[in-house]
Amino acid sequence: MGNTSAYLILIIAVVLGTVANGFAKGAQGFTIIIPSILTAIAIVGCMFTLSLVMKTIPVGITYASFAGLCIIATTMVGIYKFNQMPNLYEIIGLGLIVAGVLMVNLLGKSGT
């Protein structure tokens, strides 16, 4: 698998991770069955896609990218679905996460 394919699969992992986070909120501590099952399915799919990415991209870079992008995507879900607006400091922190993900992927010299 090439780097382009690995990054496309990484995006799928981010989507699945974000979906899992959204359903986890609705599962209310895994007390509601349907969102709980959907959370579990999304997490398994997420971990599977991450394992595919790690065949090509180093584990640290994969997980740093996944975590950073998933945090940003989950924050956007929180804004849209749960009306959870971040304050100025949270927005600055999220901007730093984006900068970190970009630095790791565009400027890092880690071997693949």
N, C-alpha and C. Protein backbone atom coordinates (compact mmCIF):
# COMPACT_ATOMS: atom_id res chain seq x y z
N MET A 1 0.85 -1.17 0.00
CA MET A 1 0.00 0.00 0.00
C MET A 1 0.89 1.23 0.00
N GLY A 2 0.55 2.21 -0.82
CA GLY A 2 1.33 3.44 -0.87
C GLY A 2 0.87 4.43 0.18
N ASN A 3 1.65 5.51 0.31
CA ASN A 3 1.33 6.54 1.30
C ASN A 3 -0.04 7.17 1.06
N THR A 4 -0.39 7.41 -0.22
CA THR A 4 -1.69 8.03 -0.51
C THR A 4 -2.82 7.14 -0.02
N SER A 5 -2.75 5.85 -0.31
CA SER A 5 -3.78 4.91 0.15
C SER A 5 -3.82 4.87 1.67
N ALA A 6 -2.66 4.87 2.29
CA ALA A 6 -2.60 4.82 3.76
C ALA A 6 -3.27 6.05 4.36
N TYR A 7 -3.03 7.22 3.80
CA TYR A 7 -3.65 8.43 4.32
C TYR A 7 -5.16 8.46 4.06
N LEU A 8 -5.61 7.89 2.96
CA LEU A 8 -7.05 7.80 2.71
C LEU A 8 -7.71 6.87 3.74
N ILE A 9 -7.05 5.76 4.04
CA ILE A 9 -7.57 4.84 5.05
C ILE A 9 -7.52 5.50 6.43
N LEU A 10 -6.50 6.31 6.67
CA LEU A 10 -6.42 7.05 7.93
C LEU A 10 -7.63 7.98 8.09
N ILE A 11 -8.05 8.61 7.01
CA ILE A 11 -9.22 9.48 7.06
C ILE A 11 -10.47 8.65 7.42
N ILE A 12 -10.57 7.45 6.87
CA ILE A 12 -11.69 6.56 7.21
C ILE A 12 -11.65 6.23 8.70
N ALA A 13 -10.44 5.98 9.23
CA ALA A 13 -10.30 5.70 10.67
C ALA A 13 -10.75 6.90 11.50
N VAL A 14 -10.41 8.09 11.06
CA VAL A 14 -10.81 9.31 11.77
C VAL A 14 -12.34 9.44 11.76
N VAL A 15 -12.95 9.18 10.61
CA VAL A 15 -14.41 9.25 10.52
C VAL A 15 -15.03 8.22 11.47
N LEU A 16 -14.52 6.99 11.45
CA LEU A 16 -15.06 5.95 12.33
C LEU A 16 -14.85 6.30 13.80
N GLY A 17 -13.69 6.84 14.13
CA GLY A 17 -13.42 7.25 15.51
C GLY A 17 -14.35 8.36 15.96
N THR A 18 -14.60 9.29 15.07
CA THR A 18 -15.50 10.40 15.38
C THR A 18 -16.94 9.91 15.53
N VAL A 19 -17.34 9.00 14.66
CA VAL A 19 -18.67 8.39 14.77
C VAL A 19 -18.80 7.67 16.11
N ALA A 20 -17.78 6.92 16.47
CA ALA A 20 -17.80 6.20 17.76
C ALA A 20 -17.94 7.17 18.93
N ASN A 21 -17.23 8.28 18.87
CA ASN A 21 -17.32 9.28 19.94
C ASN A 21 -18.72 9.89 20.02
N GLY A 22 -19.32 10.17 18.88
CA GLY A 22 -20.66 10.72 18.85
C GLY A 22 -21.69 9.74 19.43
N PHE A 23 -21.58 8.48 19.02
CA PHE A 23 -22.50 7.48 19.55
C PHE A 23 -22.25 7.22 21.04
N ALA A 24 -21.00 7.31 21.48
CA ALA A 24 -20.69 7.08 22.89
C ALA A 24 -21.41 8.10 23.77
N LYS A 25 -21.48 9.34 23.30
CA LYS A 25 -22.22 10.36 24.06
C LYS A 25 -23.68 9.97 24.17
N GLY A 26 -24.25 9.50 23.08
CA GLY A 26 -25.65 9.10 23.07
C GLY A 26 -25.92 7.81 23.83
N ALA A 27 -24.89 7.00 24.03
CA ALA A 27 -25.05 5.74 24.76
C ALA A 27 -25.22 5.95 26.26
N GLN A 28 -24.91 7.15 26.73
CA GLN A 28 -25.06 7.53 28.13
C GLN A 28 -24.46 6.48 29.07
N GLY A 29 -23.16 6.31 28.94
CA GLY A 29 -22.46 5.35 29.80
C GLY A 29 -22.78 3.91 29.45
N PHE A 30 -23.07 3.65 28.19
CA PHE A 30 -23.43 2.33 27.69
C PHE A 30 -24.67 1.77 28.38
N THR A 31 -25.63 2.66 28.66
CA THR A 31 -26.90 2.24 29.25
C THR A 31 -28.01 2.17 28.20
N ILE A 32 -27.77 2.71 27.02
CA ILE A 32 -28.74 2.66 25.93
C ILE A 32 -28.17 1.74 24.85
N ILE A 33 -28.89 0.68 24.51
CA ILE A 33 -28.34 -0.43 23.74
C ILE A 33 -27.92 -0.07 22.30
N ILE A 34 -28.77 0.59 21.54
CA ILE A 34 -28.44 0.84 20.12
C ILE A 34 -27.21 1.73 19.97
N PRO A 35 -27.13 2.90 20.63
CA PRO A 35 -25.90 3.68 20.50
C PRO A 35 -24.68 2.95 21.04
N SER A 36 -24.87 2.10 22.04
CA SER A 36 -23.75 1.32 22.60
C SER A 36 -23.21 0.34 21.56
N ILE A 37 -24.11 -0.35 20.88
CA ILE A 37 -23.70 -1.31 19.83
C ILE A 37 -23.03 -0.57 18.68
N LEU A 38 -23.61 0.55 18.27
CA LEU A 38 -23.02 1.33 17.17
C LEU A 38 -21.64 1.86 17.55
N THR A 39 -21.47 2.25 18.80
CA THR A 39 -20.16 2.69 19.29
C THR A 39 -19.14 1.57 19.15
N ALA A 40 -19.51 0.39 19.61
CA ALA A 40 -18.60 -0.76 19.56
C ALA A 40 -18.23 -1.12 18.12
N ILE A 41 -19.20 -1.13 17.23
CA ILE A 41 -18.93 -1.46 15.82
C ILE A 41 -17.98 -0.42 15.21
N ALA A 42 -18.25 0.85 15.48
CA ALA A 42 -17.40 1.92 14.93
C ALA A 42 -15.97 1.83 15.48
N ILE A 43 -15.84 1.50 16.76
CA ILE A 43 -14.50 1.38 17.35
C ILE A 43 -13.72 0.22 16.72
N VAL A 44 -14.39 -0.91 16.53
CA VAL A 44 -13.71 -2.05 15.90
C VAL A 44 -13.28 -1.69 14.49
N GLY A 45 -14.17 -1.05 13.72
CA GLY A 45 -13.81 -0.61 12.37
C GLY A 45 -12.66 0.37 12.38
N CYS A 46 -12.67 1.27 13.33
CA CYS A 46 -11.61 2.26 13.48
C CYS A 46 -10.27 1.58 13.74
N MET A 47 -10.24 0.67 14.69
CA MET A 47 -8.98 -0.02 15.03
C MET A 47 -8.48 -0.87 13.86
N PHE A 48 -9.42 -1.48 13.13
CA PHE A 48 -9.02 -2.27 11.95
C PHE A 48 -8.36 -1.37 10.91
N THR A 49 -8.99 -0.23 10.61
CA THR A 49 -8.40 0.65 9.61
C THR A 49 -7.06 1.23 10.08
N LEU A 50 -6.96 1.53 11.37
CA LEU A 50 -5.66 2.02 11.88
C LEU A 50 -4.58 0.95 11.73
N SER A 51 -4.94 -0.32 11.94
CA SER A 51 -3.94 -1.38 11.79
C SER A 51 -3.46 -1.49 10.35
N LEU A 52 -4.35 -1.21 9.40
CA LEU A 52 -3.94 -1.22 7.99
C LEU A 52 -2.98 -0.07 7.70
N VAL A 53 -3.28 1.09 8.25
CA VAL A 53 -2.43 2.27 8.03
C VAL A 53 -1.03 2.02 8.58
N MET A 54 -0.95 1.35 9.74
CA MET A 54 0.33 1.13 10.40
C MET A 54 1.25 0.17 9.64
N LYS A 55 0.73 -0.47 8.61
CA LYS A 55 1.59 -1.27 7.74
C LYS A 55 2.51 -0.37 6.90
N THR A 56 2.07 0.87 6.69
CA THR A 56 2.80 1.79 5.81
C THR A 56 3.40 2.97 6.57
N ILE A 57 2.63 3.55 7.47
CA ILE A 57 3.06 4.75 8.19
C ILE A 57 3.47 4.32 9.60
N PRO A 58 4.56 4.84 10.14
CA PRO A 58 5.00 4.45 11.48
C PRO A 58 3.90 4.66 12.52
N VAL A 59 3.89 3.79 13.52
CA VAL A 59 2.82 3.78 14.52
C VAL A 59 2.66 5.13 15.22
N GLY A 60 3.74 5.77 15.58
CA GLY A 60 3.65 7.06 16.27
C GLY A 60 3.03 8.14 15.41
N ILE A 61 3.42 8.19 14.15
CA ILE A 61 2.89 9.18 13.22
C ILE A 61 1.42 8.88 12.94
N THR A 62 1.10 7.59 12.76
CA THR A 62 -0.28 7.20 12.52
C THR A 62 -1.17 7.63 13.68
N TYR A 63 -0.76 7.30 14.88
CA TYR A 63 -1.62 7.58 16.03
C TYR A 63 -1.68 9.07 16.35
N ALA A 64 -0.57 9.77 16.19
CA ALA A 64 -0.59 11.22 16.42
C ALA A 64 -1.53 11.90 15.43
N SER A 65 -1.47 11.49 14.19
CA SER A 65 -2.34 12.06 13.16
C SER A 65 -3.79 11.71 13.45
N PHE A 66 -4.03 10.44 13.76
CA PHE A 66 -5.39 9.99 14.05
C PHE A 66 -5.97 10.75 15.24
N ALA A 67 -5.22 10.80 16.32
CA ALA A 67 -5.72 11.43 17.54
C ALA A 67 -6.01 12.91 17.31
N GLY A 68 -5.07 13.61 16.68
CA GLY A 68 -5.27 15.04 16.44
C GLY A 68 -6.47 15.31 15.56
N LEU A 69 -6.57 14.57 14.46
CA LEU A 69 -7.69 14.79 13.55
C LEU A 69 -9.01 14.38 14.17
N CYS A 70 -8.98 13.32 14.96
CA CYS A 70 -10.20 12.86 15.63
C CYS A 70 -10.67 13.88 16.68
N ILE A 71 -9.73 14.49 17.37
CA ILE A 71 -10.09 15.54 18.33
C ILE A 71 -10.78 16.70 17.62
N ILE A 72 -10.23 17.13 16.52
CA ILE A 72 -10.81 18.24 15.77
C ILE A 72 -12.20 17.85 15.25
N ALA A 73 -12.32 16.68 14.65
CA ALA A 73 -13.60 16.24 14.10
C ALA A 73 -14.65 16.06 15.20
N THR A 74 -14.24 15.49 16.33
CA THR A 74 -15.18 15.30 17.44
C THR A 74 -15.62 16.65 18.01
N THR A 75 -14.73 17.60 18.05
CA THR A 75 -15.10 18.95 18.49
C THR A 75 -16.15 19.55 17.56
N MET A 76 -15.97 19.34 16.25
CA MET A 76 -16.95 19.86 15.30
C MET A 76 -18.30 19.17 15.48
N VAL A 77 -18.29 17.87 15.77
CA VAL A 77 -19.54 17.16 16.07
C VAL A 77 -20.18 17.75 17.33
N GLY A 78 -19.36 18.02 18.33
CA GLY A 78 -19.87 18.62 19.57
C GLY A 78 -20.52 19.97 19.33
N ILE A 79 -19.92 20.76 18.45
CA ILE A 79 -20.48 22.07 18.12
C ILE A 79 -21.81 21.90 17.40
N TYR A 80 -21.82 21.04 16.40
CA TYR A 80 -22.98 20.88 15.54
C TYR A 80 -24.13 20.12 16.23
N LYS A 81 -23.80 18.97 16.81
CA LYS A 81 -24.83 18.07 17.32
C LYS A 81 -25.23 18.38 18.77
N PHE A 82 -24.27 18.80 19.59
CA PHE A 82 -24.54 18.96 21.02
C PHE A 82 -24.47 20.42 21.48
N ASN A 83 -24.28 21.34 20.54
CA ASN A 83 -24.22 22.78 20.84
C ASN A 83 -23.17 23.09 21.92
N GLN A 84 -22.01 22.47 21.80
CA GLN A 84 -20.91 22.66 22.75
C GLN A 84 -19.85 23.56 22.10
N MET A 85 -19.98 24.86 22.32
CA MET A 85 -19.09 25.82 21.69
C MET A 85 -17.80 25.99 22.50
N PRO A 86 -16.64 25.77 21.87
CA PRO A 86 -15.38 25.95 22.60
C PRO A 86 -15.11 27.43 22.87
N ASN A 87 -14.40 27.70 23.98
CA ASN A 87 -14.03 29.08 24.28
C ASN A 87 -12.72 29.42 23.57
N LEU A 88 -12.23 30.62 23.77
CA LEU A 88 -11.04 31.10 23.07
C LEU A 88 -9.83 30.21 23.32
N TYR A 89 -9.60 29.82 24.56
CA TYR A 89 -8.43 29.00 24.88
C TYR A 89 -8.53 27.60 24.26
N GLU A 90 -9.73 27.07 24.22
CA GLU A 90 -9.93 25.77 23.58
C GLU A 90 -9.68 25.86 22.08
N ILE A 91 -10.12 26.95 21.47
CA ILE A 91 -9.89 27.16 20.04
C ILE A 91 -8.39 27.29 19.76
N ILE A 92 -7.68 28.02 20.60
CA ILE A 92 -6.23 28.15 20.43
C ILE A 92 -5.57 26.78 20.57
N GLY A 93 -5.97 26.02 21.58
CA GLY A 93 -5.43 24.68 21.76
C GLY A 93 -5.71 23.77 20.57
N LEU A 94 -6.91 23.84 20.03
CA LEU A 94 -7.24 23.05 18.85
C LEU A 94 -6.40 23.47 17.65
N GLY A 95 -6.15 24.77 17.54
CA GLY A 95 -5.27 25.25 16.47
C GLY A 95 -3.86 24.70 16.61
N LEU A 96 -3.38 24.61 17.84
CA LEU A 96 -2.05 24.03 18.07
C LEU A 96 -2.03 22.54 17.73
N ILE A 97 -3.13 21.84 17.98
CA ILE A 97 -3.21 20.42 17.59
C ILE A 97 -3.11 20.29 16.07
N VAL A 98 -3.85 21.13 15.35
CA VAL A 98 -3.79 21.12 13.88
C VAL A 98 -2.37 21.40 13.42
N ALA A 99 -1.73 22.40 14.02
CA ALA A 99 -0.34 22.73 13.65
C ALA A 99 0.57 21.53 13.91
N GLY A 100 0.37 20.84 15.03
CA GLY A 100 1.19 19.67 15.35
C GLY A 100 1.00 18.55 14.35
N VAL A 101 -0.24 18.27 13.97
CA VAL A 101 -0.51 17.22 12.98
C VAL A 101 0.15 17.58 11.65
N LEU A 102 0.03 18.84 11.25
CA LEU A 102 0.65 19.26 9.99
C LEU A 102 2.17 19.15 10.06
N MET A 103 2.77 19.56 11.18
CA MET A 103 4.23 19.49 11.31
C MET A 103 4.70 18.04 11.24
N VAL A 104 4.02 17.15 11.95
CA VAL A 104 4.42 15.75 11.99
C VAL A 104 4.37 15.14 10.58
N ASN A 105 3.32 15.47 9.84
CA ASN A 105 3.12 14.83 8.54
C ASN A 105 3.84 15.52 7.39
N LEU A 106 3.98 16.82 7.45
CA LEU A 106 4.59 17.53 6.33
C LEU A 106 6.08 17.83 6.53
N LEU A 107 6.49 17.99 7.77
CA LEU A 107 7.87 18.37 8.03
C LEU A 107 8.69 17.27 8.69
N GLY A 108 8.02 16.25 9.21
CA GLY A 108 8.72 15.16 9.88
C GLY A 108 9.53 14.33 8.89
N LYS A 109 10.59 13.74 9.37
CA LYS A 109 11.47 12.95 8.51
C LYS A 109 11.44 11.47 8.88
N SER A 110 10.39 11.05 9.57
CA SER A 110 10.30 9.66 10.01
C SER A 110 10.22 8.72 8.82
N GLY A 111 10.96 7.64 8.88
CA GLY A 111 10.95 6.65 7.80
C GLY A 111 9.66 5.86 7.79
N THR A 112 9.19 5.52 6.58
CA THR A 112 7.95 4.75 6.48
C THR A 112 8.23 3.32 6.11
